[in-house]
Amino acid sequence: RVGRRFGGDVVELLGATSPIYLLRKAAGSAAGEAIAQTRDYRRHWTGV
């Protein structure tokens, strides 16, 4: 269930043992300042 909203770019979801935050981040945007990768929302693998 939705908890709080933080502006138009973050939604807090409750109902799990920890809150989950959905963060609006554009496809193709930089994943981080020191990371060469960009965000890609096709199926991807991560160990986490």
All heavy atoms as atom14 arrays in JSON, in Angstrom:
{
  "sequence": "RVGRRFGGDVVELLGATSPIYLLRKAAGSAAGEAIAQTRDYRRHWTGV",
  "atom14_mask": [
    [1, 1, 1, 1, 1, 1, 1, 1, 1, 1, 1, 0, 0, 0],
    [1, 1, 1, 1, 1, 1, 1, 0, 0, 0, 0, 0, 0, 0],
    [1, 1, 1, 1, 0, 0, 0, 0, 0, 0, 0, 0, 0, 0],
    [1, 1, 1, 1, 1, 1, 1, 1, 1, 1, 1, 0, 0, 0],
    [1, 1, 1, 1, 1, 1, 1, 1, 1, 1, 1, 0, 0, 0],
    [1, 1, 1, 1, 1, 1, 1, 1, 1, 1, 1, 0, 0, 0],
    [1, 1, 1, 1, 0, 0, 0, 0, 0, 0, 0, 0, 0, 0],
    [1, 1, 1, 1, 0, 0, 0, 0, 0, 0, 0, 0, 0, 0],
    [1, 1, 1, 1, 1, 1, 1, 1, 0, 0, 0, 0, 0, 0],
    [1, 1, 1, 1, 1, 1, 1, 0, 0, 0, 0, 0, 0, 0],
    [1, 1, 1, 1, 1, 1, 1, 0, 0, 0, 0, 0, 0, 0],
    [1, 1, 1, 1, 1, 1, 1, 1, 1, 0, 0, 0, 0, 0],
    [1, 1, 1, 1, 1, 1, 1, 1, 0, 0, 0, 0, 0, 0],
    [1, 1, 1, 1, 1, 1, 1, 1, 0, 0, 0, 0, 0, 0],
    [1, 1, 1, 1, 0, 0, 0, 0, 0, 0, 0, 0, 0, 0],
    [1, 1, 1, 1, 1, 0, 0, 0, 0, 0, 0, 0, 0, 0],
    [1, 1, 1, 1, 1, 1, 1, 0, 0, 0, 0, 0, 0, 0],
    [1, 1, 1, 1, 1, 1, 0, 0, 0, 0, 0, 0, 0, 0],
    [1, 1, 1, 1, 1, 1, 1, 0, 0, 0, 0, 0, 0, 0],
    [1, 1, 1, 1, 1, 1, 1, 1, 0, 0, 0, 0, 0, 0],
    [1, 1, 1, 1, 1, 1, 1, 1, 1, 1, 1, 1, 0, 0],
    [1, 1, 1, 1, 1, 1, 1, 1, 0, 0, 0, 0, 0, 0],
    [1, 1, 1, 1, 1, 1, 1, 1, 0, 0, 0, 0, 0, 0],
    [1, 1, 1, 1, 1, 1, 1, 1, 1, 1, 1, 0, 0, 0],
    [1, 1, 1, 1, 1, 1, 1, 1, 1, 0, 0, 0, 0, 0],
    [1, 1, 1, 1, 1, 0, 0, 0, 0, 0, 0, 0, 0, 0],
    [1, 1, 1, 1, 1, 0, 0, 0, 0, 0, 0, 0, 0, 0],
    [1, 1, 1, 1, 0, 0, 0, 0, 0, 0, 0, 0, 0, 0],
    [1, 1, 1, 1, 1, 1, 0, 0, 0, 0, 0, 0, 0, 0],
    [1, 1, 1, 1, 1, 0, 0, 0, 0, 0, 0, 0, 0, 0],
    [1, 1, 1, 1, 1, 0, 0, 0, 0, 0, 0, 0, 0, 0],
    [1, 1, 1, 1, 0, 0, 0, 0, 0, 0, 0, 0, 0, 0],
    [1, 1, 1, 1, 1, 1, 1, 1, 1, 0, 0, 0, 0, 0],
    [1, 1, 1, 1, 1, 0, 0, 0, 0, 0, 0, 0, 0, 0],
    [1, 1, 1, 1, 1, 1, 1, 1, 0, 0, 0, 0, 0, 0],
    [1, 1, 1, 1, 1, 0, 0, 0, 0, 0, 0, 0, 0, 0],
    [1, 1, 1, 1, 1, 1, 1, 1, 1, 0, 0, 0, 0, 0],
    [1, 1, 1, 1, 1, 1, 1, 0, 0, 0, 0, 0, 0, 0],
    [1, 1, 1, 1, 1, 1, 1, 1, 1, 1, 1, 0, 0, 0],
    [1, 1, 1, 1, 1, 1, 1, 1, 0, 0, 0, 0, 0, 0],
    [1, 1, 1, 1, 1, 1, 1, 1, 1, 1, 1, 1, 0, 0],
    [1, 1, 1, 1, 1, 1, 1, 1, 1, 1, 1, 0, 0, 0],
    [1, 1, 1, 1, 1, 1, 1, 1, 1, 1, 1, 0, 0, 0],
    [1, 1, 1, 1, 1, 1, 1, 1, 1, 1, 0, 0, 0, 0],
    [1, 1, 1, 1, 1, 1, 1, 1, 1, 1, 1, 1, 1, 1],
    [1, 1, 1, 1, 1, 1, 1, 0, 0, 0, 0, 0, 0, 0],
    [1, 1, 1, 1, 0, 0, 0, 0, 0, 0, 0, 0, 0, 0],
    [1, 1, 1, 1, 1, 1, 1, 0, 0, 0, 0, 0, 0, 0]
  ],
  "atom14_positions": [
    [[0.85, -1.19, 0.0], [0.0, 0.0, 0.0], [0.88, 1.24, 0.0], [2.0, 1.22, 0.5], [-0.95, 0.01, 1.19], [-0.29, 0.12, 2.52], [-1.27, -0.02, 3.69], [-0.59, 0.18, 4.95], [0.22, -0.69, 5.55], [0.43, -1.86, 5.0], [0.8, -0.4, 6.7], [0.0, 0.0, 0.0], [0.0, 0.0, 0.0], [0.0, 0.0, 0.0]],
    [[0.34, 2.3, -0.57], [1.09, 3.55, -0.64], [1.13, 4.19, 0.73], [0.12, 4.29, 1.43], [0.44, 4.51, -1.67], [1.12, 5.87, -1.63], [0.51, 3.9, -3.07], [0.0, 0.0, 0.0], [0.0, 0.0, 0.0], [0.0, 0.0, 0.0], [0.0, 0.0, 0.0], [0.0, 0.0, 0.0], [0.0, 0.0, 0.0], [0.0, 0.0, 0.0]],
    [[2.33, 4.59, 1.13], [2.53, 5.35, 2.36], [2.57, 6.82, 2.0], [1.55, 7.43, 1.72], [0.0, 0.0, 0.0], [0.0, 0.0, 0.0], [0.0, 0.0, 0.0], [0.0, 0.0, 0.0], [0.0, 0.0, 0.0], [0.0, 0.0, 0.0], [0.0, 0.0, 0.0], [0.0, 0.0, 0.0], [0.0, 0.0, 0.0], [0.0, 0.0, 0.0]],
    [[3.77, 7.36, 1.91], [3.94, 8.78, 1.59], [4.41, 8.96, 0.16], [4.93, 8.04, -0.46], [4.98, 9.39, 2.53], [4.59, 9.28, 4.0], [5.7, 9.71, 4.92], [6.78, 8.72, 4.89], [7.93, 8.86, 5.53], [8.17, 9.95, 6.23], [8.85, 7.92, 5.47], [0.0, 0.0, 0.0], [0.0, 0.0, 0.0], [0.0, 0.0, 0.0]],
    [[4.2, 10.19, -0.32], [4.71, 10.61, -1.62], [5.68, 11.75, -1.36], [5.42, 12.61, -0.54], [3.58, 11.05, -2.54], [2.63, 9.93, -2.88], [1.48, 10.42, -3.76], [0.47, 9.4, -3.88], [0.52, 8.37, -4.7], [1.55, 8.24, -5.53], [-0.45, 7.47, -4.74], [0.0, 0.0, 0.0], [0.0, 0.0, 0.0], [0.0, 0.0, 0.0]],
    [[6.78, 11.73, -2.07], [7.8, 12.76, -1.92], [7.93, 13.47, -3.26], [8.65, 12.99, -4.15], [9.13, 12.15, -1.48], [9.01, 11.36, -0.19], [8.74, 10.0, -0.22], [9.15, 11.99, 1.04], [8.63, 9.28, 0.96], [9.04, 11.27, 2.22], [8.77, 9.92, 2.19], [0.0, 0.0, 0.0], [0.0, 0.0, 0.0], [0.0, 0.0, 0.0]],
    [[7.23, 14.57, -3.4], [7.21, 15.26, -4.68], [6.58, 14.35, -5.72], [5.76, 13.49, -5.4], [0.0, 0.0, 0.0], [0.0, 0.0, 0.0], [0.0, 0.0, 0.0], [0.0, 0.0, 0.0], [0.0, 0.0, 0.0], [0.0, 0.0, 0.0], [0.0, 0.0, 0.0], [0.0, 0.0, 0.0], [0.0, 0.0, 0.0], [0.0, 0.0, 0.0]],
    [[6.97, 14.51, -6.95], [6.42, 13.67, -8.01], [7.32, 12.54, -8.43], [7.03, 11.85, -9.4], [0.0, 0.0, 0.0], [0.0, 0.0, 0.0], [0.0, 0.0, 0.0], [0.0, 0.0, 0.0], [0.0, 0.0, 0.0], [0.0, 0.0, 0.0], [0.0, 0.0, 0.0], [0.0, 0.0, 0.0], [0.0, 0.0, 0.0], [0.0, 0.0, 0.0]],
    [[8.41, 12.31, -7.68], [9.39, 11.34, -8.13], [9.65, 10.17, -7.19], [10.47, 9.31, -7.5], [10.72, 12.04, -8.43], [10.63, 12.97, -9.62], [9.89, 12.64, -10.58], [11.28, 14.02, -9.59], [0.0, 0.0, 0.0], [0.0, 0.0, 0.0], [0.0, 0.0, 0.0], [0.0, 0.0, 0.0], [0.0, 0.0, 0.0], [0.0, 0.0, 0.0]],
    [[8.99, 10.13, -6.03], [9.22, 9.04, -5.08], [7.89, 8.65, -4.42], [7.14, 9.51, -3.97], [10.23, 9.45, -3.98], [10.45, 8.3, -2.99], [11.55, 9.89, -4.59], [0.0, 0.0, 0.0], [0.0, 0.0, 0.0], [0.0, 0.0, 0.0], [0.0, 0.0, 0.0], [0.0, 0.0, 0.0], [0.0, 0.0, 0.0], [0.0, 0.0, 0.0]],
    [[7.65, 7.35, -4.37], [6.49, 6.81, -3.66], [6.98, 5.77, -2.67], [7.79, 4.89, -3.02], [5.48, 6.15, -4.64], [4.38, 5.44, -3.89], [4.89, 7.19, -5.57], [0.0, 0.0, 0.0], [0.0, 0.0, 0.0], [0.0, 0.0, 0.0], [0.0, 0.0, 0.0], [0.0, 0.0, 0.0], [0.0, 0.0, 0.0], [0.0, 0.0, 0.0]],
    [[6.51, 5.86, -1.45], [6.83, 4.9, -0.39], [5.74, 3.82, -0.39], [4.55, 4.14, -0.36], [6.84, 5.63, 0.95], [7.08, 4.74, 2.14], [6.95, 5.53, 3.43], [5.87, 6.13, 3.66], [7.93, 5.56, 4.19], [0.0, 0.0, 0.0], [0.0, 0.0, 0.0], [0.0, 0.0, 0.0], [0.0, 0.0, 0.0], [0.0, 0.0, 0.0]],
    [[6.17, 2.56, -0.41], [5.24, 1.44, -0.33], [5.43, 0.74, 1.0], [6.56, 0.46, 1.42], [5.48, 0.46, -1.48], [5.24, 1.02, -2.88], [5.58, -0.04, -3.93], [3.81, 1.5, -3.06], [0.0, 0.0, 0.0], [0.0, 0.0, 0.0], [0.0, 0.0, 0.0], [0.0, 0.0, 0.0], [0.0, 0.0, 0.0], [0.0, 0.0, 0.0]],
    [[4.33, 0.45, 1.65], [4.34, -0.21, 2.96], [3.63, -1.56, 2.85], [2.87, -1.8, 1.92], [3.64, 0.68, 3.99], [4.2, 2.1, 4.12], [3.31, 2.93, 5.04], [5.64, 2.05, 4.61], [0.0, 0.0, 0.0], [0.0, 0.0, 0.0], [0.0, 0.0, 0.0], [0.0, 0.0, 0.0], [0.0, 0.0, 0.0], [0.0, 0.0, 0.0]],
    [[3.87, -2.4, 3.84], [3.22, -3.7, 3.87], [4.22, -4.84, 3.9], [3.87, -5.97, 4.16], [0.0, 0.0, 0.0], [0.0, 0.0, 0.0], [0.0, 0.0, 0.0], [0.0, 0.0, 0.0], [0.0, 0.0, 0.0], [0.0, 0.0, 0.0], [0.0, 0.0, 0.0], [0.0, 0.0, 0.0], [0.0, 0.0, 0.0], [0.0, 0.0, 0.0]],
    [[5.48, -4.54, 3.62], [6.57, -5.51, 3.77], [7.26, -5.2, 5.1], [6.92, -4.2, 5.76], [7.55, -5.41, 2.61], [0.0, 0.0, 0.0], [0.0, 0.0, 0.0], [0.0, 0.0, 0.0], [0.0, 0.0, 0.0], [0.0, 0.0, 0.0], [0.0, 0.0, 0.0], [0.0, 0.0, 0.0], [0.0, 0.0, 0.0], [0.0, 0.0, 0.0]],
    [[8.21, -5.99, 5.51], [8.91, -5.74, 6.77], [9.79, -4.51, 6.71], [10.16, -3.98, 7.76], [9.75, -6.97, 7.19], [10.61, -7.31, 6.12], [8.85, -8.14, 7.55], [0.0, 0.0, 0.0], [0.0, 0.0, 0.0], [0.0, 0.0, 0.0], [0.0, 0.0, 0.0], [0.0, 0.0, 0.0], [0.0, 0.0, 0.0], [0.0, 0.0, 0.0]],
    [[10.14, -4.07, 5.52], [10.87, -2.82, 5.32], [10.13, -2.0, 4.28], [9.56, -2.57, 3.34], [12.29, -3.09, 4.81], [13.06, -3.75, 5.78], [0.0, 0.0, 0.0], [0.0, 0.0, 0.0], [0.0, 0.0, 0.0], [0.0, 0.0, 0.0], [0.0, 0.0, 0.0], [0.0, 0.0, 0.0], [0.0, 0.0, 0.0], [0.0, 0.0, 0.0]],
    [[10.16, -0.69, 4.41], [9.53, 0.13, 3.36], [10.29, 0.01, 2.05], [11.5, -0.19, 2.03], [9.59, 1.55, 3.91], [10.54, 1.53, 5.04], [10.72, 0.12, 5.48], [0.0, 0.0, 0.0], [0.0, 0.0, 0.0], [0.0, 0.0, 0.0], [0.0, 0.0, 0.0], [0.0, 0.0, 0.0], [0.0, 0.0, 0.0], [0.0, 0.0, 0.0]],
    [[9.54, 0.13, 0.97], [10.1, 0.09, -0.37], [9.82, 1.44, -1.01], [8.68, 1.93, -0.96], [9.49, -1.05, -1.21], [9.81, -2.4, -0.57], [9.96, -0.98, -2.66], [9.06, -3.57, -1.18], [0.0, 0.0, 0.0], [0.0, 0.0, 0.0], [0.0, 0.0, 0.0], [0.0, 0.0, 0.0], [0.0, 0.0, 0.0], [0.0, 0.0, 0.0]],
    [[10.85, 2.03, -1.6], [10.7, 3.33, -2.24], [10.86, 3.17, -3.74], [11.88, 2.66, -4.21], [11.73, 4.33, -1.69], [11.46, 4.64, -0.25], [12.02, 3.87, 0.76], [10.58, 5.66, 0.11], [11.73, 4.11, 2.1], [10.29, 5.92, 1.44], [10.87, 5.14, 2.43], [10.57, 5.39, 3.74], [0.0, 0.0, 0.0], [0.0, 0.0, 0.0]],
    [[9.85, 3.58, -4.48], [9.93, 3.62, -5.93], [10.48, 4.98, -6.31], [9.92, 6.01, -5.91], [8.55, 3.41, -6.55], [7.85, 2.09, -6.19], [6.43, 2.07, -6.77], [8.66, 0.9, -6.66], [0.0, 0.0, 0.0], [0.0, 0.0, 0.0], [0.0, 0.0, 0.0], [0.0, 0.0, 0.0], [0.0, 0.0, 0.0], [0.0, 0.0, 0.0]],
    [[11.57, 4.98, -7.08], [12.24, 6.22, -7.46], [12.15, 6.41, -8.97], [12.64, 5.56, -9.73], [13.72, 6.17, -7.06], [14.04, 5.73, -5.63], [15.55, 5.64, -5.45], [13.43, 6.68, -4.62], [0.0, 0.0, 0.0], [0.0, 0.0, 0.0], [0.0, 0.0, 0.0], [0.0, 0.0, 0.0], [0.0, 0.0, 0.0], [0.0, 0.0, 0.0]],
    [[11.53, 7.5, -9.39], [11.45, 7.78, -10.82], [12.83, 8.2, -11.31], [13.4, 9.2, -10.85], [10.45, 8.89, -11.11], [10.27, 9.14, -12.61], [9.44, 10.38, -12.96], [8.36, 10.66, -12.06], [7.07, 10.36, -12.3], [6.74, 9.74, -13.4], [6.14, 10.69, -11.42], [0.0, 0.0, 0.0], [0.0, 0.0, 0.0], [0.0, 0.0, 0.0]],
    [[13.38, 7.41, -12.23], [14.68, 7.69, -12.84], [14.54, 7.38, -14.32], [14.18, 6.27, -14.71], [15.8, 6.81, -12.25], [15.97, 6.94, -10.75], [16.62, 8.25, -10.36], [16.86, 8.3, -8.86], [17.59, 9.48, -8.46], [0.0, 0.0, 0.0], [0.0, 0.0, 0.0], [0.0, 0.0, 0.0], [0.0, 0.0, 0.0], [0.0, 0.0, 0.0]],
    [[14.83, 8.33, -15.16], [14.64, 8.17, -16.6], [15.54, 7.09, -17.18], [16.7, 6.96, -16.78], [14.91, 9.49, -17.31], [0.0, 0.0, 0.0], [0.0, 0.0, 0.0], [0.0, 0.0, 0.0], [0.0, 0.0, 0.0], [0.0, 0.0, 0.0], [0.0, 0.0, 0.0], [0.0, 0.0, 0.0], [0.0, 0.0, 0.0], [0.0, 0.0, 0.0]],
    [[15.0, 6.34, -18.11], [15.82, 5.39, -18.86], [16.91, 6.17, -19.56], [16.68, 7.27, -20.06], [14.96, 4.64, -19.87], [0.0, 0.0, 0.0], [0.0, 0.0, 0.0], [0.0, 0.0, 0.0], [0.0, 0.0, 0.0], [0.0, 0.0, 0.0], [0.0, 0.0, 0.0], [0.0, 0.0, 0.0], [0.0, 0.0, 0.0], [0.0, 0.0, 0.0]],
    [[18.11, 5.64, -19.56], [19.25, 6.29, -20.19], [19.97, 7.28, -19.31], [21.04, 7.78, -19.67], [0.0, 0.0, 0.0], [0.0, 0.0, 0.0], [0.0, 0.0, 0.0], [0.0, 0.0, 0.0], [0.0, 0.0, 0.0], [0.0, 0.0, 0.0], [0.0, 0.0, 0.0], [0.0, 0.0, 0.0], [0.0, 0.0, 0.0], [0.0, 0.0, 0.0]],
    [[19.41, 7.57, -18.13], [20.09, 8.5, -17.22], [21.28, 7.8, -16.56], [21.33, 6.57, -16.46], [19.13, 9.04, -16.16], [18.61, 8.0, -15.35], [0.0, 0.0, 0.0], [0.0, 0.0, 0.0], [0.0, 0.0, 0.0], [0.0, 0.0, 0.0], [0.0, 0.0, 0.0], [0.0, 0.0, 0.0], [0.0, 0.0, 0.0], [0.0, 0.0, 0.0]],
    [[22.23, 8.58, -16.11], [23.44, 8.03, -15.5], [23.08, 7.27, -14.23], [22.3, 7.75, -13.4], [24.42, 9.15, -15.17], [0.0, 0.0, 0.0], [0.0, 0.0, 0.0], [0.0, 0.0, 0.0], [0.0, 0.0, 0.0], [0.0, 0.0, 0.0], [0.0, 0.0, 0.0], [0.0, 0.0, 0.0], [0.0, 0.0, 0.0], [0.0, 0.0, 0.0]],
    [[23.66, 6.09, -14.07], [23.42, 5.28, -12.88], [24.11, 5.87, -11.66], [23.71, 5.61, -10.54], [23.87, 3.85, -13.12], [0.0, 0.0, 0.0], [0.0, 0.0, 0.0], [0.0, 0.0, 0.0], [0.0, 0.0, 0.0], [0.0, 0.0, 0.0], [0.0, 0.0, 0.0], [0.0, 0.0, 0.0], [0.0, 0.0, 0.0], [0.0, 0.0, 0.0]],
    [[25.13, 6.67, -11.86], [25.86, 7.31, -10.77], [27.0, 8.13, -11.33], [27.4, 7.96, -12.49], [0.0, 0.0, 0.0], [0.0, 0.0, 0.0], [0.0, 0.0, 0.0], [0.0, 0.0, 0.0], [0.0, 0.0, 0.0], [0.0, 0.0, 0.0], [0.0, 0.0, 0.0], [0.0, 0.0, 0.0], [0.0, 0.0, 0.0], [0.0, 0.0, 0.0]],
    [[27.54, 9.0, -10.51], [28.62, 9.88, -10.98], [29.87, 9.12, -11.37], [30.56, 9.49, -12.32], [28.96, 10.9, -9.9], [27.9, 11.96, -9.71], [28.3, 12.99, -8.68], [29.51, 13.23, -8.5], [27.39, 13.57, -8.06], [0.0, 0.0, 0.0], [0.0, 0.0, 0.0], [0.0, 0.0, 0.0], [0.0, 0.0, 0.0], [0.0, 0.0, 0.0]],
    [[30.19, 8.06, -10.66], [31.43, 7.32, -10.92], [31.17, 6.01, -11.67], [32.03, 5.14, -11.72], [32.14, 7.03, -9.6], [0.0, 0.0, 0.0], [0.0, 0.0, 0.0], [0.0, 0.0, 0.0], [0.0, 0.0, 0.0], [0.0, 0.0, 0.0], [0.0, 0.0, 0.0], [0.0, 0.0, 0.0], [0.0, 0.0, 0.0], [0.0, 0.0, 0.0]],
    [[29.97, 5.88, -12.25], [29.59, 4.64, -12.95], [29.33, 4.96, -14.41], [28.56, 5.87, -14.72], [28.35, 4.01, -12.3], [28.61, 3.69, -10.83], [27.91, 2.75, -13.04], [27.39, 3.29, -10.06], [0.0, 0.0, 0.0], [0.0, 0.0, 0.0], [0.0, 0.0, 0.0], [0.0, 0.0, 0.0], [0.0, 0.0, 0.0], [0.0, 0.0, 0.0]],
    [[29.93, 4.21, -15.3], [29.77, 4.47, -16.73], [28.43, 3.97, -17.26], [28.02, 4.34, -18.35], [30.91, 3.82, -17.51], [0.0, 0.0, 0.0], [0.0, 0.0, 0.0], [0.0, 0.0, 0.0], [0.0, 0.0, 0.0], [0.0, 0.0, 0.0], [0.0, 0.0, 0.0], [0.0, 0.0, 0.0], [0.0, 0.0, 0.0], [0.0, 0.0, 0.0]],
    [[27.71, 3.16, -16.51], [26.45, 2.59, -16.97], [25.31, 3.6, -16.89], [25.33, 4.52, -16.07], [26.07, 1.38, -16.13], [27.01, 0.21, -16.3], [26.62, -0.93, -15.38], [26.35, -0.74, -14.21], [26.6, -2.12, -15.92], [0.0, 0.0, 0.0], [0.0, 0.0, 0.0], [0.0, 0.0, 0.0], [0.0, 0.0, 0.0], [0.0, 0.0, 0.0]],
    [[24.33, 3.39, -17.75], [23.1, 4.17, -17.69], [21.95, 3.23, -17.36], [22.06, 2.01, -17.52], [22.82, 4.88, -19.03], [22.74, 3.9, -20.07], [23.92, 5.89, -19.35], [0.0, 0.0, 0.0], [0.0, 0.0, 0.0], [0.0, 0.0, 0.0], [0.0, 0.0, 0.0], [0.0, 0.0, 0.0], [0.0, 0.0, 0.0], [0.0, 0.0, 0.0]],
    [[20.87, 3.81, -16.9], [19.71, 3.01, -16.52], [19.06, 2.42, -17.75], [18.82, 3.11, -18.74], [18.71, 3.86, -15.74], [19.2, 4.18, -14.36], [18.17, 5.04, -13.61], [18.65, 5.27, -12.26], [19.5, 6.24, -11.92], [19.97, 7.07, -12.84], [19.88, 6.38, -10.67], [0.0, 0.0, 0.0], [0.0, 0.0, 0.0], [0.0, 0.0, 0.0]],
    [[18.74, 1.13, -17.65], [18.12, 0.39, -18.73], [17.05, -0.49, -18.1], [17.37, -1.29, -17.22], [19.19, -0.45, -19.45], [18.64, -1.22, -20.62], [17.41, -1.37, -20.76], [19.46, -1.69, -21.43], [0.0, 0.0, 0.0], [0.0, 0.0, 0.0], [0.0, 0.0, 0.0], [0.0, 0.0, 0.0], [0.0, 0.0, 0.0], [0.0, 0.0, 0.0]],
    [[15.83, -0.33, -18.52], [14.74, -1.06, -17.88], [14.31, -2.31, -18.65], [13.26, -2.87, -18.39], [13.57, -0.11, -17.62], [13.95, 0.94, -16.6], [14.15, 2.26, -16.97], [14.16, 0.58, -15.29], [14.53, 3.21, -16.03], [14.55, 1.52, -14.34], [14.72, 2.83, -14.72], [15.11, 3.76, -13.78], [0.0, 0.0, 0.0], [0.0, 0.0, 0.0]],
    [[15.18, -2.77, -19.56], [14.96, -4.1, -20.11], [15.4, -5.09, -19.05], [16.09, -4.73, -18.08], [15.79, -4.3, -21.38], [15.33, -3.41, -22.53], [16.26, -3.53, -23.7], [17.6, -3.05, -23.28], [18.67, -3.1, -24.03], [18.63, -3.6, -25.22], [19.82, -2.63, -23.57], [0.0, 0.0, 0.0], [0.0, 0.0, 0.0], [0.0, 0.0, 0.0]],
    [[15.08, -6.36, -19.19], [15.46, -7.36, -18.18], [16.97, -7.36, -18.03], [17.7, -7.41, -19.02], [14.95, -8.76, -18.58], [15.32, -9.86, -17.59], [14.67, -9.63, -16.24], [14.93, -10.73, -15.32], [15.69, -10.62, -14.22], [16.29, -9.47, -13.92], [15.86, -11.65, -13.43], [0.0, 0.0, 0.0], [0.0, 0.0, 0.0], [0.0, 0.0, 0.0]],
    [[17.41, -7.25, -16.8], [18.83, -7.24, -16.49], [19.05, -8.1, -15.25], [18.14, -8.36, -14.48], [19.34, -5.81, -16.25], [18.57, -5.09, -15.19], [17.39, -4.41, -15.46], [18.77, -4.95, -13.87], [16.92, -3.88, -14.35], [17.74, -4.21, -13.36], [0.0, 0.0, 0.0], [0.0, 0.0, 0.0], [0.0, 0.0, 0.0], [0.0, 0.0, 0.0]],
    [[20.27, -8.54, -15.07], [20.6, -9.38, -13.93], [21.46, -8.58, -12.97], [22.33, -7.81, -13.36], [21.36, -10.63, -14.37], [21.64, -11.53, -13.21], [20.83, -12.52, -12.75], [22.78, -11.52, -12.35], [21.39, -13.11, -11.64], [22.6, -12.5, -11.37], [23.93, -10.75, -12.29], [23.52, -12.77, -10.39], [24.86, -10.99, -11.29], [24.64, -12.01, -10.36]],
    [[21.2, -8.79, -11.7], [22.05, -8.26, -10.65], [22.06, -9.28, -9.51], [21.07, -9.99, -9.31], [21.58, -6.87, -10.15], [22.43, -6.45, -9.07], [20.15, -6.91, -9.68], [0.0, 0.0, 0.0], [0.0, 0.0, 0.0], [0.0, 0.0, 0.0], [0.0, 0.0, 0.0], [0.0, 0.0, 0.0], [0.0, 0.0, 0.0], [0.0, 0.0, 0.0]],
    [[23.13, -9.32, -8.8], [23.24, -10.26, -7.69], [22.4, -9.86, -6.48], [22.24, -10.64, -5.54], [0.0, 0.0, 0.0], [0.0, 0.0, 0.0], [0.0, 0.0, 0.0], [0.0, 0.0, 0.0], [0.0, 0.0, 0.0], [0.0, 0.0, 0.0], [0.0, 0.0, 0.0], [0.0, 0.0, 0.0], [0.0, 0.0, 0.0], [0.0, 0.0, 0.0]],
    [[21.87, -8.66, -6.49], [21.02, -8.2, -5.39], [19.59, -8.14, -5.91], [19.32, -7.54, -6.95], [21.45, -6.8, -4.89], [20.52, -6.3, -3.8], [22.9, -6.85, -4.4], [0.0, 0.0, 0.0], [0.0, 0.0, 0.0], [0.0, 0.0, 0.0], [0.0, 0.0, 0.0], [0.0, 0.0, 0.0], [0.0, 0.0, 0.0], [0.0, 0.0, 0.0]]
  ]
}
